[in-house]
Amino acid sequence: MQKYIIESPHTAENCEQAVKDIHAAGYLHHFEWGCKDNDHTAWAIVEAESPEHAKQMIPWYLREKVRIVKVVKFEVADEEHHAKQK
């Protein structure tokens, strides 16, 4: 399993439906929402087998605009190695 950040923008008009559909799919507890600050975007950090699998957590009508980014954590030794490669 890999870790991914999901960024899923939606409109104010489909906000309530997006929350309901993500809840119905069983993923609501993974997501944070910017809607109360007029940024209609949902974010989550999830474990999934692939970016495509992570995308399936989003309702079909929002998938066109979803952004999935694989994320990793670096240890101190990894950071030093990464810096030397630049």
C-alpha atoms as a PDB file:
ATOM      1  CA  MET A   1       0.000   0.000   0.000  1.00  0.00           C
ATOM      2  CA  GLN A   2       1.119   3.518  -0.789  1.00  0.00           C
ATOM      3  CA  LYS A   3       0.031   6.835   0.735  1.00  0.00           C
ATOM      4  CA  TYR A   4      -1.724   9.413  -1.406  1.00  0.00           C
ATOM      5  CA  ILE A   5      -3.137  12.876  -0.889  1.00  0.00           C
ATOM      6  CA  ILE A   6      -6.497  13.319  -2.546  1.00  0.00           C
ATOM      7  CA  GLU A   7      -7.534  16.857  -3.467  1.00  0.00           C
ATOM      8  CA  SER A   8     -11.101  17.015  -4.726  1.00  0.00           C
ATOM      9  CA  PRO A   9     -12.588  20.378  -5.699  1.00  0.00           C
ATOM     10  CA  HIS A  10     -16.330  20.709  -6.082  1.00  0.00           C
ATOM     11  CA  THR A  11     -18.833  23.502  -6.505  1.00  0.00           C
ATOM     12  CA  ALA A  12     -20.967  25.103  -3.807  1.00  0.00           C
ATOM     13  CA  GLU A  13     -23.973  23.647  -5.634  1.00  0.00           C
ATOM     14  CA  ASN A  14     -22.808  20.042  -5.336  1.00  0.00           C
ATOM     15  CA  CYS A  15     -21.156  20.411  -1.928  1.00  0.00           C
ATOM     16  CA  GLU A  16     -23.889  18.789   0.144  1.00  0.00           C
ATOM     17  CA  GLN A  17     -24.224  15.912  -2.323  1.00  0.00           C
ATOM     18  CA  ALA A  18     -20.453  15.358  -2.351  1.00  0.00           C
ATOM     19  CA  VAL A  19     -20.395  15.058   1.459  1.00  0.00           C
ATOM     20  CA  LYS A  20     -23.358  12.647   1.396  1.00  0.00           C
ATOM     21  CA  ASP A  21     -21.839  10.489  -1.351  1.00  0.00           C
ATOM     22  CA  ILE A  22     -18.407  10.276   0.282  1.00  0.00           C
ATOM     23  CA  HIS A  23     -20.143   9.384   3.558  1.00  0.00           C
ATOM     24  CA  ALA A  24     -22.243   6.710   1.812  1.00  0.00           C
ATOM     25  CA  ALA A  25     -19.064   5.220   0.331  1.00  0.00           C
ATOM     26  CA  GLY A  26     -17.590   4.957   3.852  1.00  0.00           C
ATOM     27  CA  TYR A  27     -14.746   7.466   3.412  1.00  0.00           C
ATOM     28  CA  LEU A  28     -16.057  10.582   5.180  1.00  0.00           C
ATOM     29  CA  HIS A  29     -13.771  10.072   8.211  1.00  0.00           C
ATOM     30  CA  HIS A  30     -10.712  10.410   5.922  1.00  0.00           C
ATOM     31  CA  PHE A  31     -11.603  13.852   4.560  1.00  0.00           C
ATOM     32  CA  GLU A  32     -11.117  17.451   5.667  1.00  0.00           C
ATOM     33  CA  TRP A  33     -13.199  20.141   3.996  1.00  0.00           C
ATOM     34  CA  GLY A  34     -12.558  23.812   3.161  1.00  0.00           C
ATOM     35  CA  CYS A  35     -16.217  24.583   2.437  1.00  0.00           C
ATOM     36  CA  LYS A  36     -16.860  26.629   5.584  1.00  0.00           C
ATOM     37  CA  ASP A  37     -14.132  29.018   4.393  1.00  0.00           C
ATOM     38  CA  ASN A  38     -15.669  29.194   0.895  1.00  0.00           C
ATOM     39  CA  ASP A  39     -13.016  26.860  -0.566  1.00  0.00           C
ATOM     40  CA  HIS A  40     -15.074  23.977  -1.873  1.00  0.00           C
ATOM     41  CA  THR A  41     -12.348  21.367  -1.757  1.00  0.00           C
ATOM     42  CA  ALA A  42     -11.982  18.103   0.154  1.00  0.00           C
ATOM     43  CA  TRP A  43      -8.577  16.698   1.128  1.00  0.00           C
ATOM     44  CA  ALA A  44      -7.580  13.318   2.489  1.00  0.00           C
ATOM     45  CA  ILE A  45      -4.435  11.324   3.102  1.00  0.00           C
ATOM     46  CA  VAL A  46      -5.214   7.682   2.412  1.00  0.00           C
ATOM     47  CA  GLU A  47      -3.517   4.358   1.865  1.00  0.00           C
ATOM     48  CA  ALA A  48      -4.347   2.709  -1.431  1.00  0.00           C
ATOM     49  CA  GLU A  49      -2.884   0.197  -3.865  1.00  0.00           C
ATOM     50  CA  SER A  50      -2.634   2.759  -6.674  1.00  0.00           C
ATOM     51  CA  PRO A  51      -3.664   6.293  -7.641  1.00  0.00           C
ATOM     52  CA  GLU A  52      -6.590   4.772  -9.533  1.00  0.00           C
ATOM     53  CA  HIS A  53      -7.747   2.984  -6.382  1.00  0.00           C
ATOM     54  CA  ALA A  54      -7.519   6.241  -4.400  1.00  0.00           C
ATOM     55  CA  LYS A  55      -9.550   8.003  -7.097  1.00  0.00           C
ATOM     56  CA  GLN A  56     -12.364   5.493  -6.608  1.00  0.00           C
ATOM     57  CA  MET A  57     -12.991   7.055  -3.175  1.00  0.00           C
ATOM     58  CA  ILE A  58     -14.344  10.132  -4.953  1.00  0.00           C
ATOM     59  CA  PRO A  59     -17.857  10.236  -6.460  1.00  0.00           C
ATOM     60  CA  TRP A  60     -17.825   9.682 -10.228  1.00  0.00           C
ATOM     61  CA  TYR A  61     -19.032  13.213 -11.029  1.00  0.00           C
ATOM     62  CA  LEU A  62     -16.003  14.773  -9.246  1.00  0.00           C
ATOM     63  CA  ARG A  63     -13.267  12.485 -10.592  1.00  0.00           C
ATOM     64  CA  GLU A  64     -12.470  14.612 -13.645  1.00  0.00           C
ATOM     65  CA  LYS A  65     -11.002  17.358 -11.437  1.00  0.00           C
ATOM     66  CA  VAL A  66      -9.531  15.224  -8.642  1.00  0.00           C
ATOM     67  CA  ARG A  67      -5.797  15.403  -7.973  1.00  0.00           C
ATOM     68  CA  ILE A  68      -3.986  12.385  -6.509  1.00  0.00           C
ATOM     69  CA  VAL A  69      -0.393  12.750  -5.273  1.00  0.00           C
ATOM     70  CA  LYS A  70       1.752   9.911  -3.924  1.00  0.00           C
ATOM     71  CA  VAL A  71       3.473  11.018  -0.715  1.00  0.00           C
ATOM     72  CA  VAL A  72       6.379   9.603   1.274  1.00  0.00           C
ATOM     73  CA  LYS A  73       8.128  10.446   4.522  1.00  0.00           C
ATOM     74  CA  PHE A  74      11.853  11.041   4.583  1.00  0.00           C
ATOM     75  CA  GLU A  75      14.139  10.126   7.438  1.00  0.00           C
ATOM     76  CA  VAL A  76      17.130  12.368   8.224  1.00  0.00           C
ATOM     77  CA  ALA A  77      19.489  10.167   6.191  1.00  0.00           C
ATOM     78  CA  ASP A  78      17.014  10.229   3.286  1.00  0.00           C
ATOM     79  CA  GLU A  79      16.880  14.043   3.378  1.00  0.00           C
ATOM     80  CA  GLU A  80      20.670  14.302   3.198  1.00  0.00           C
ATOM     81  CA  HIS A  81      20.756  11.859   0.290  1.00  0.00           C
ATOM     82  CA  HIS A  82      17.953  13.712  -1.491  1.00  0.00           C
ATOM     83  CA  ALA A  83      19.716  17.073  -1.055  1.00  0.00           C
ATOM     84  CA  LYS A  84      22.957  15.701  -2.539  1.00  0.00           C
ATOM     85  CA  GLN A  85      21.121  14.549  -5.681  1.00  0.00           C
ATOM     86  CA  LYS A  86      19.905  18.069  -6.530  1.00  0.00           C
END
